[in-house]
Amino acid sequence: MPASVQWSDALKAQTRDALESHGLDMPVPAMEFICFKNADGGYGVMQIDALLAARFVITRRGTGTVESFETANAVIEAGWVLD
């Protein structure tokens, strides 16, 4: 299904950098999860422990559906970016 929203290149790059650094370069306080939004209008969270372990797993809010990705680019291609 094609994405209904087009994210900016800057937001995609910020998302890619955060994922590829496993969250270590993110200037945020300690937290349990990172929030994402999807081009289809959905929202999700990634557990910080998974990110630190280089596992890109997003759980959709509302449905609990789990989506796993092999690479940061795959996350972005699926419509996900940092929220």
PDB file of N, CA and C in Angstrom:
ATOM      1  N   MET A   1       0.848  -1.173   0.000  1.00  0.00           N
ATOM      2  CA  MET A   1       0.000   0.000   0.000  1.00  0.00           C
ATOM      3  C   MET A   1       0.894   1.238   0.000  1.00  0.00           C
ATOM      4  N   PRO A   2       0.684   2.174  -0.902  1.00  0.00           N
ATOM      5  CA  PRO A   2       1.514   3.365  -0.942  1.00  0.00           C
ATOM      6  C   PRO A   2       1.262   4.259   0.267  1.00  0.00           C
ATOM      7  N   ALA A   3       2.322   4.916   0.703  1.00  0.00           N
ATOM      8  CA  ALA A   3       2.225   5.828   1.839  1.00  0.00           C
ATOM      9  C   ALA A   3       1.383   7.035   1.456  1.00  0.00           C
ATOM     10  N   SER A   4       0.571   7.516   2.413  1.00  0.00           N
ATOM     11  CA  SER A   4      -0.283   8.661   2.131  1.00  0.00           C
ATOM     12  C   SER A   4       0.392   9.982   2.480  1.00  0.00           C
ATOM     13  N   VAL A   5       1.491   9.922   3.225  1.00  0.00           N
ATOM     14  CA  VAL A   5       2.232  11.116   3.619  1.00  0.00           C
ATOM     15  C   VAL A   5       3.670  10.954   3.144  1.00  0.00           C
ATOM     16  N   GLN A   6       4.261  12.019   2.671  1.00  0.00           N
ATOM     17  CA  GLN A   6       5.673  11.981   2.276  1.00  0.00           C
ATOM     18  C   GLN A   6       6.483  12.713   3.336  1.00  0.00           C
ATOM     19  N   TRP A   7       7.393  12.013   3.987  1.00  0.00           N
ATOM     20  CA  TRP A   7       8.240  12.638   5.011  1.00  0.00           C
ATOM     21  C   TRP A   7       9.373  13.389   4.343  1.00  0.00           C
ATOM     22  N   SER A   8       9.845  14.425   5.004  1.00  0.00           N
ATOM     23  CA  SER A   8      10.959  15.205   4.467  1.00  0.00           C
ATOM     24  C   SER A   8      12.238  14.382   4.477  1.00  0.00           C
ATOM     25  N   ASP A   9      13.155  14.725   3.596  1.00  0.00           N
ATOM     26  CA  ASP A   9      14.452  14.049   3.562  1.00  0.00           C
ATOM     27  C   ASP A   9      15.184  14.246   4.881  1.00  0.00           C
ATOM     28  N   ALA A  10      15.030  15.416   5.494  1.00  0.00           N
ATOM     29  CA  ALA A  10      15.704  15.689   6.776  1.00  0.00           C
ATOM     30  C   ALA A  10      15.181  14.761   7.868  1.00  0.00           C
ATOM     31  N   LEU A  11      13.868  14.541   7.924  1.00  0.00           N
ATOM     32  CA  LEU A  11      13.294  13.658   8.947  1.00  0.00           C
ATOM     33  C   LEU A  11      13.700  12.214   8.691  1.00  0.00           C
ATOM     34  N   LYS A  12      13.730  11.808   7.435  1.00  0.00           N
ATOM     35  CA  LYS A  12      14.199  10.455   7.110  1.00  0.00           C
ATOM     36  C   LYS A  12      15.653  10.275   7.527  1.00  0.00           C
ATOM     37  N   ALA A  13      16.491  11.272   7.258  1.00  0.00           N
ATOM     38  CA  ALA A  13      17.913  11.199   7.621  1.00  0.00           C
ATOM     39  C   ALA A  13      18.077  11.146   9.134  1.00  0.00           C
ATOM     40  N   GLN A  14      17.308  11.950   9.867  1.00  0.00           N
ATOM     41  CA  GLN A  14      17.377  11.950  11.324  1.00  0.00           C
ATOM     42  C   GLN A  14      16.978  10.575  11.865  1.00  0.00           C
ATOM     43  N   THR A  15      15.953   9.981  11.295  1.00  0.00           N
ATOM     44  CA  THR A  15      15.507   8.654  11.711  1.00  0.00           C
ATOM     45  C   THR A  15      16.582   7.619  11.423  1.00  0.00           C
ATOM     46  N   ARG A  16      17.133   7.655  10.204  1.00  0.00           N
ATOM     47  CA  ARG A  16      18.178   6.703   9.816  1.00  0.00           C
ATOM     48  C   ARG A  16      19.388   6.822  10.756  1.00  0.00           C
ATOM     49  N   ASP A  17      19.819   8.058  11.038  1.00  0.00           N
ATOM     50  CA  ASP A  17      20.971   8.269  11.924  1.00  0.00           C
ATOM     51  C   ASP A  17      20.711   7.718  13.318  1.00  0.00           C
ATOM     52  N   ALA A  18      19.517   7.963  13.852  1.00  0.00           N
ATOM     53  CA  ALA A  18      19.182   7.482  15.196  1.00  0.00           C
ATOM     54  C   ALA A  18      19.158   5.963  15.245  1.00  0.00           C
ATOM     55  N   LEU A  19      18.607   5.331  14.217  1.00  0.00           N
ATOM     56  CA  LEU A  19      18.542   3.876  14.195  1.00  0.00           C
ATOM     57  C   LEU A  19      19.912   3.250  13.981  1.00  0.00           C
ATOM     58  N   GLU A  20      20.679   3.797  13.049  1.00  0.00           N
ATOM     59  CA  GLU A  20      21.991   3.217  12.758  1.00  0.00           C
ATOM     60  C   GLU A  20      22.981   3.400  13.899  1.00  0.00           C
ATOM     61  N   SER A  21      22.781   4.440  14.721  1.00  0.00           N
ATOM     62  CA  SER A  21      23.663   4.629  15.887  1.00  0.00           C
ATOM     63  C   SER A  21      23.114   3.897  17.101  1.00  0.00           C
ATOM     64  N   HIS A  22      22.010   3.165  16.897  1.00  0.00           N
ATOM     65  CA  HIS A  22      21.328   2.421  17.959  1.00  0.00           C
ATOM     66  C   HIS A  22      20.883   3.347  19.083  1.00  0.00           C
ATOM     67  N   GLY A  23      20.534   4.591  18.732  1.00  0.00           N
ATOM     68  CA  GLY A  23      20.015   5.545  19.687  1.00  0.00           C
ATOM     69  C   GLY A  23      21.059   6.267  20.506  1.00  0.00           C
ATOM     70  N   LEU A  24      22.327   5.936  20.312  1.00  0.00           N
ATOM     71  CA  LEU A  24      23.373   6.501  21.153  1.00  0.00           C
ATOM     72  C   LEU A  24      23.645   7.971  20.887  1.00  0.00           C
ATOM     73  N   ASP A  25      23.237   8.488  19.723  1.00  0.00           N
ATOM     74  CA  ASP A  25      23.484   9.899  19.430  1.00  0.00           C
ATOM     75  C   ASP A  25      22.234  10.762  19.625  1.00  0.00           C
ATOM     76  N   MET A  26      21.193  10.180  20.205  1.00  0.00           N
ATOM     77  CA  MET A  26      19.952  10.925  20.408  1.00  0.00           C
ATOM     78  C   MET A  26      20.033  11.746  21.686  1.00  0.00           C
ATOM     79  N   PRO A  27      19.820  13.049  21.588  1.00  0.00           N
ATOM     80  CA  PRO A  27      19.908  13.916  22.764  1.00  0.00           C
ATOM     81  C   PRO A  27      18.605  13.922  23.553  1.00  0.00           C
ATOM     82  N   VAL A  28      18.284  12.773  24.155  1.00  0.00           N
ATOM     83  CA  VAL A  28      17.054  12.664  24.936  1.00  0.00           C
ATOM     84  C   VAL A  28      17.365  12.037  26.289  1.00  0.00           C
ATOM     85  N   PRO A  29      16.535  12.288  27.264  1.00  0.00           N
ATOM     86  CA  PRO A  29      16.746  11.663  28.570  1.00  0.00           C
ATOM     87  C   PRO A  29      16.505  10.158  28.492  1.00  0.00           C
ATOM     88  N   ALA A  30      16.935   9.456  29.501  1.00  0.00           N
ATOM     89  CA  ALA A  30      16.736   8.005  29.544  1.00  0.00           C
ATOM     90  C   ALA A  30      15.251   7.683  29.424  1.00  0.00           C
ATOM     91  N   MET A  31      14.951   6.697  28.617  1.00  0.00           N
ATOM     92  CA  MET A  31      13.560   6.324  28.396  1.00  0.00           C
ATOM     93  C   MET A  31      13.482   4.851  28.067  1.00  0.00           C
ATOM     94  N   GLU A  32      12.279   4.330  28.092  1.00  0.00           N
ATOM     95  CA  GLU A  32      12.075   2.915  27.786  1.00  0.00           C
ATOM     96  C   GLU A  32      11.807   2.667  26.315  1.00  0.00           C
ATOM     97  N   PHE A  33      11.281   3.658  25.612  1.00  0.00           N
ATOM     98  CA  PHE A  33      10.945   3.450  24.215  1.00  0.00           C
ATOM     99  C   PHE A  33      11.076   4.745  23.424  1.00  0.00           C
ATOM    100  N   ILE A  34      11.102   4.595  22.104  1.00  0.00           N
ATOM    101  CA  ILE A  34      11.169   5.725  21.184  1.00  0.00           C
ATOM    102  C   ILE A  34       9.876   5.712  20.368  1.00  0.00           C
ATOM    103  N   CYS A  35       9.289   6.874  20.189  1.00  0.00           N
ATOM    104  CA  CYS A  35       8.018   6.990  19.466  1.00  0.00           C
ATOM    105  C   CYS A  35       8.259   7.196  17.970  1.00  0.00           C
ATOM    106  N   PHE A  36       7.417   6.546  17.183  1.00  0.00           N
ATOM    107  CA  PHE A  36       7.454   6.652  15.728  1.00  0.00           C
ATOM    108  C   PHE A  36       6.072   6.998  15.208  1.00  0.00           C
ATOM    109  N   LYS A  37       6.033   7.556  14.001  1.00  0.00           N
ATOM    110  CA  LYS A  37       4.782   7.775  13.294  1.00  0.00           C
ATOM    111  C   LYS A  37       4.948   7.184  11.907  1.00  0.00           C
ATOM    112  N   ASN A  38       3.814   6.777  11.328  1.00  0.00           N
ATOM    113  CA  ASN A  38       3.848   6.145  10.020  1.00  0.00           C
ATOM    114  C   ASN A  38       3.098   6.990   9.013  1.00  0.00           C
ATOM    115  N   ALA A  39       3.499   6.910   7.784  1.00  0.00           N
ATOM    116  CA  ALA A  39       2.861   7.664   6.710  1.00  0.00           C
ATOM    117  C   ALA A  39       1.398   7.276   6.538  1.00  0.00           C
ATOM    118  N   ASP A  40       1.000   6.115   7.047  1.00  0.00           N
ATOM    119  CA  ASP A  40      -0.400   5.689   6.941  1.00  0.00           C
ATOM    120  C   ASP A  40      -1.263   6.261   8.063  1.00  0.00           C
ATOM    121  N   GLY A  41      -0.655   7.109   8.923  1.00  0.00           N
ATOM    122  CA  GLY A  41      -1.393   7.732  10.012  1.00  0.00           C
ATOM    123  C   GLY A  41      -1.255   7.018  11.338  1.00  0.00           C
ATOM    124  N   GLY A  42      -0.594   5.880  11.355  1.00  0.00           N
ATOM    125  CA  GLY A  42      -0.417   5.114  12.584  1.00  0.00           C
ATOM    126  C   GLY A  42       0.753   5.609  13.422  1.00  0.00           C
ATOM    127  N   TYR A  43       0.777   5.139  14.662  1.00  0.00           N
ATOM    128  CA  TYR A  43       1.857   5.462  15.595  1.00  0.00           C
ATOM    129  C   TYR A  43       2.364   4.175  16.209  1.00  0.00           C
ATOM    130  N   GLY A  44       3.624   4.193  16.618  1.00  0.00           N
ATOM    131  CA  GLY A  44       4.200   3.009  17.233  1.00  0.00           C
ATOM    132  C   GLY A  44       5.352   3.356  18.129  1.00  0.00           C
ATOM    133  N   VAL A  45       5.831   2.339  18.842  1.00  0.00           N
ATOM    134  CA  VAL A  45       6.968   2.518  19.741  1.00  0.00           C
ATOM    135  C   VAL A  45       7.995   1.420  19.504  1.00  0.00           C
ATOM    136  N   MET A  46       9.247   1.769  19.748  1.00  0.00           N
ATOM    137  CA  MET A  46      10.348   0.819  19.696  1.00  0.00           C
ATOM    138  C   MET A  46      10.999   0.823  21.076  1.00  0.00           C
ATOM    139  N   GLN A  47      11.118  -0.334  21.676  1.00  0.00           N
ATOM    140  CA  GLN A  47      11.770  -0.437  22.969  1.00  0.00           C
ATOM    141  C   GLN A  47      13.237  -0.040  22.827  1.00  0.00           C
ATOM    142  N   ILE A  48      13.723   0.786  23.735  1.00  0.00           N
ATOM    143  CA  ILE A  48      15.114   1.249  23.655  1.00  0.00           C
ATOM    144  C   ILE A  48      16.087   0.078  23.766  1.00  0.00           C
ATOM    145  N   ASP A  49      15.726  -0.945  24.554  1.00  0.00           N
ATOM    146  CA  ASP A  49      16.599  -2.122  24.674  1.00  0.00           C
ATOM    147  C   ASP A  49      16.768  -2.821  23.328  1.00  0.00           C
ATOM    148  N   ALA A  50      15.696  -2.884  22.542  1.00  0.00           N
ATOM    149  CA  ALA A  50      15.786  -3.506  21.216  1.00  0.00           C
ATOM    150  C   ALA A  50      16.678  -2.671  20.312  1.00  0.00           C
ATOM    151  N   LEU A  51      16.502  -1.360  20.353  1.00  0.00           N
ATOM    152  CA  LEU A  51      17.319  -0.485  19.519  1.00  0.00           C
ATOM    153  C   LEU A  51      18.799  -0.605  19.879  1.00  0.00           C
ATOM    154  N   LEU A  52      19.097  -0.625  21.161  1.00  0.00           N
ATOM    155  CA  LEU A  52      20.495  -0.752  21.598  1.00  0.00           C
ATOM    156  C   LEU A  52      21.109  -2.079  21.150  1.00  0.00           C
ATOM    157  N   ALA A  53      20.251  -3.081  20.968  1.00  0.00           N
ATOM    158  CA  ALA A  53      20.709  -4.393  20.501  1.00  0.00           C
ATOM    159  C   ALA A  53      20.627  -4.511  18.980  1.00  0.00           C
ATOM    160  N   ALA A  54      20.392  -3.393  18.291  1.00  0.00           N
ATOM    161  CA  ALA A  54      20.309  -3.349  16.825  1.00  0.00           C
ATOM    162  C   ALA A  54      19.163  -4.197  16.288  1.00  0.00           C
ATOM    163  N   ARG A  55      18.057  -4.250  17.036  1.00  0.00           N
ATOM    164  CA  ARG A  55      16.843  -4.924  16.574  1.00  0.00           C
ATOM    165  C   ARG A  55      15.803  -3.835  16.328  1.00  0.00           C
ATOM    166  N   PHE A  56      15.337  -3.735  15.114  1.00  0.00           N
ATOM    167  CA  PHE A  56      14.393  -2.692  14.724  1.00  0.00           C
ATOM    168  C   PHE A  56      12.977  -3.275  14.748  1.00  0.00           C
ATOM    169  N   VAL A  57      12.341  -3.188  15.913  1.00  0.00           N
ATOM    170  CA  VAL A  57      11.021  -3.767  16.132  1.00  0.00           C
ATOM    171  C   VAL A  57      10.086  -2.659  16.613  1.00  0.00           C
ATOM    172  N   ILE A  58       9.023  -2.426  15.862  1.00  0.00           N
ATOM    173  CA  ILE A  58       8.050  -1.386  16.212  1.00  0.00           C
ATOM    174  C   ILE A  58       6.720  -2.046  16.530  1.00  0.00           C
ATOM    175  N   THR A  59       6.144  -1.651  17.672  1.00  0.00           N
ATOM    176  CA  THR A  59       4.818  -2.125  18.065  1.00  0.00           C
ATOM    177  C   THR A  59       3.822  -0.998  17.824  1.00  0.00           C
ATOM    178  N   ARG A  60       2.812  -1.281  16.995  1.00  0.00           N
ATOM    179  CA  ARG A  60       1.803  -0.265  16.680  1.00  0.00           C
ATOM    180  C   ARG A  60       0.928   0.005  17.893  1.00  0.00           C
ATOM    181  N   ARG A  61       0.701   1.284  18.141  1.00  0.00           N
ATOM    182  CA  ARG A  61      -0.225   1.681  19.199  1.00  0.00           C
ATOM    183  C   ARG A  61      -1.644   1.376  18.737  1.00  0.00           C
ATOM    184  N   GLY A  62      -2.465   0.970  19.663  1.00  0.00           N
ATOM    185  CA  GLY A  62      -3.864   0.691  19.353  1.00  0.00           C
ATOM    186  C   GLY A  62      -4.125  -0.754  18.969  1.00  0.00           C
ATOM    187  N   THR A  63      -3.240  -1.340  18.164  1.00  0.00           N
ATOM    188  CA  THR A  63      -3.463  -2.719  17.711  1.00  0.00           C
ATOM    189  C   THR A  63      -2.493  -3.710  18.347  1.00  0.00           C
ATOM    190  N   GLY A  64      -1.323  -3.234  18.758  1.00  0.00           N
ATOM    191  CA  GLY A  64      -0.313  -4.124  19.315  1.00  0.00           C
ATOM    192  C   GLY A  64       0.422  -4.939  18.263  1.00  0.00           C
ATOM    193  N   THR A  65       0.159  -4.668  16.994  1.00  0.00           N
ATOM    194  CA  THR A  65       0.837  -5.371  15.907  1.00  0.00           C
ATOM    195  C   THR A  65       2.327  -5.071  15.951  1.00  0.00           C
ATOM    196  N   VAL A  66       3.137  -6.113  15.826  1.00  0.00           N
ATOM    197  CA  VAL A  66       4.586  -5.967  15.875  1.00  0.00           C
ATOM    198  C   VAL A  66       5.149  -6.071  14.462  1.00  0.00           C
ATOM    199  N   GLU A  67       6.003  -5.104  14.114  1.00  0.00           N
ATOM    200  CA  GLU A  67       6.660  -5.094  12.814  1.00  0.00           C
ATOM    201  C   GLU A  67       8.167  -5.105  13.046  1.00  0.00           C
ATOM    202  N   SER A  68       8.858  -6.054  12.434  1.00  0.00           N
ATOM    203  CA  SER A  68      10.310  -6.181  12.577  1.00  0.00           C
ATOM    204  C   SER A  68      10.986  -5.861  11.251  1.00  0.00           C
ATOM    205  N   PHE A  69      12.144  -5.222  11.343  1.00  0.00           N
ATOM    206  CA  PHE A  69      12.877  -4.798  10.155  1.00  0.00           C
ATOM    207  C   PHE A  69      14.339  -5.178  10.287  1.00  0.00           C
ATOM    208  N   GLU A  70      14.962  -5.477   9.161  1.00  0.00           N
ATOM    209  CA  GLU A  70      16.377  -5.857   9.139  1.00  0.00           C
ATOM    210  C   GLU A  70      17.310  -4.653   9.185  1.00  0.00           C
ATOM    211  N   THR A  71      16.875  -3.528   8.599  1.00  0.00           N
ATOM    212  CA  THR A  71      17.745  -2.356   8.490  1.00  0.00           C
ATOM    213  C   THR A  71      16.977  -1.073   8.811  1.00  0.00           C
ATOM    214  N   ALA A  72      17.730  -0.017   9.073  1.00  0.00           N
ATOM    215  CA  ALA A  72      17.121   1.294   9.283  1.00  0.00           C
ATOM    216  C   ALA A  72      16.386   1.743   8.023  1.00  0.00           C
ATOM    217  N   ASN A  73      16.965   1.488   6.867  1.00  0.00           N
ATOM    218  CA  ASN A  73      16.309   1.862   5.611  1.00  0.00           C
ATOM    219  C   ASN A  73      14.975   1.144   5.434  1.00  0.00           C
ATOM    220  N   ALA A  74      14.888  -0.110   5.875  1.00  0.00           N
ATOM    221  CA  ALA A  74      13.634  -0.857   5.772  1.00  0.00           C
ATOM    222  C   ALA A  74      12.553  -0.225   6.650  1.00  0.00           C
ATOM    223  N   VAL A  75      12.937   0.292   7.816  1.00  0.00           N
ATOM    224  CA  VAL A  75      11.992   0.986   8.698  1.00  0.00           C
ATOM    225  C   VAL A  75      11.412   2.192   7.963  1.00  0.00           C
ATOM    226  N   ILE A  76      12.293   2.983   7.370  1.00  0.00           N
ATOM    227  CA  ILE A  76      11.879   4.204   6.664  1.00  0.00           C
ATOM    228  C   ILE A  76      11.053   3.861   5.427  1.00  0.00           C
ATOM    229  N   GLU A  77      11.460   2.847   4.680  1.00  0.00           N
ATOM    230  CA  GLU A  77      10.723   2.445   3.481  1.00  0.00           C
ATOM    231  C   GLU A  77       9.307   1.976   3.818  1.00  0.00           C
ATOM    232  N   ALA A  78       9.125   1.463   5.039  1.00  0.00           N
ATOM    233  CA  ALA A  78       7.797   1.023   5.476  1.00  0.00           C
ATOM    234  C   ALA A  78       6.949   2.199   5.957  1.00  0.00           C
ATOM    235  N   GLY A  79       7.500   3.426   5.889  1.00  0.00           N
ATOM    236  CA  GLY A  79       6.743   4.625   6.241  1.00  0.00           C
ATOM    237  C   GLY A  79       6.980   5.137   7.631  1.00  0.00           C
ATOM    238  N   TRP A  80       7.857   4.509   8.407  1.00  0.00           N
ATOM    239  CA  TRP A  80       8.113   4.919   9.785  1.00  0.00           C
ATOM    240  C   TRP A  80       9.204   5.975   9.881  1.00  0.00           C
ATOM    241  N   VAL A  81       8.983   6.975  10.724  1.00  0.00           N
ATOM    242  CA  VAL A  81       9.995   7.980  11.071  1.00  0.00           C
ATOM    243  C   VAL A  81       9.807   8.332  12.548  1.00  0.00           C
ATOM    244  N   LEU A  82      10.814   8.997  13.107  1.00  0.00           N
ATOM    245  CA  LEU A  82      10.713   9.440  14.498  1.00  0.00           C
ATOM    246  C   LEU A  82       9.547  10.393  14.666  1.00  0.00           C
ATOM    247  N   ASP A  83       8.884  10.293  15.786  1.00  0.00           N
ATOM    248  CA  ASP A  83       7.765  11.190  16.059  1.00  0.00           C
ATOM    249  C   ASP A  83       8.207  12.245  17.059  1.00  0.00           C
TER     250      ASP A  83
END
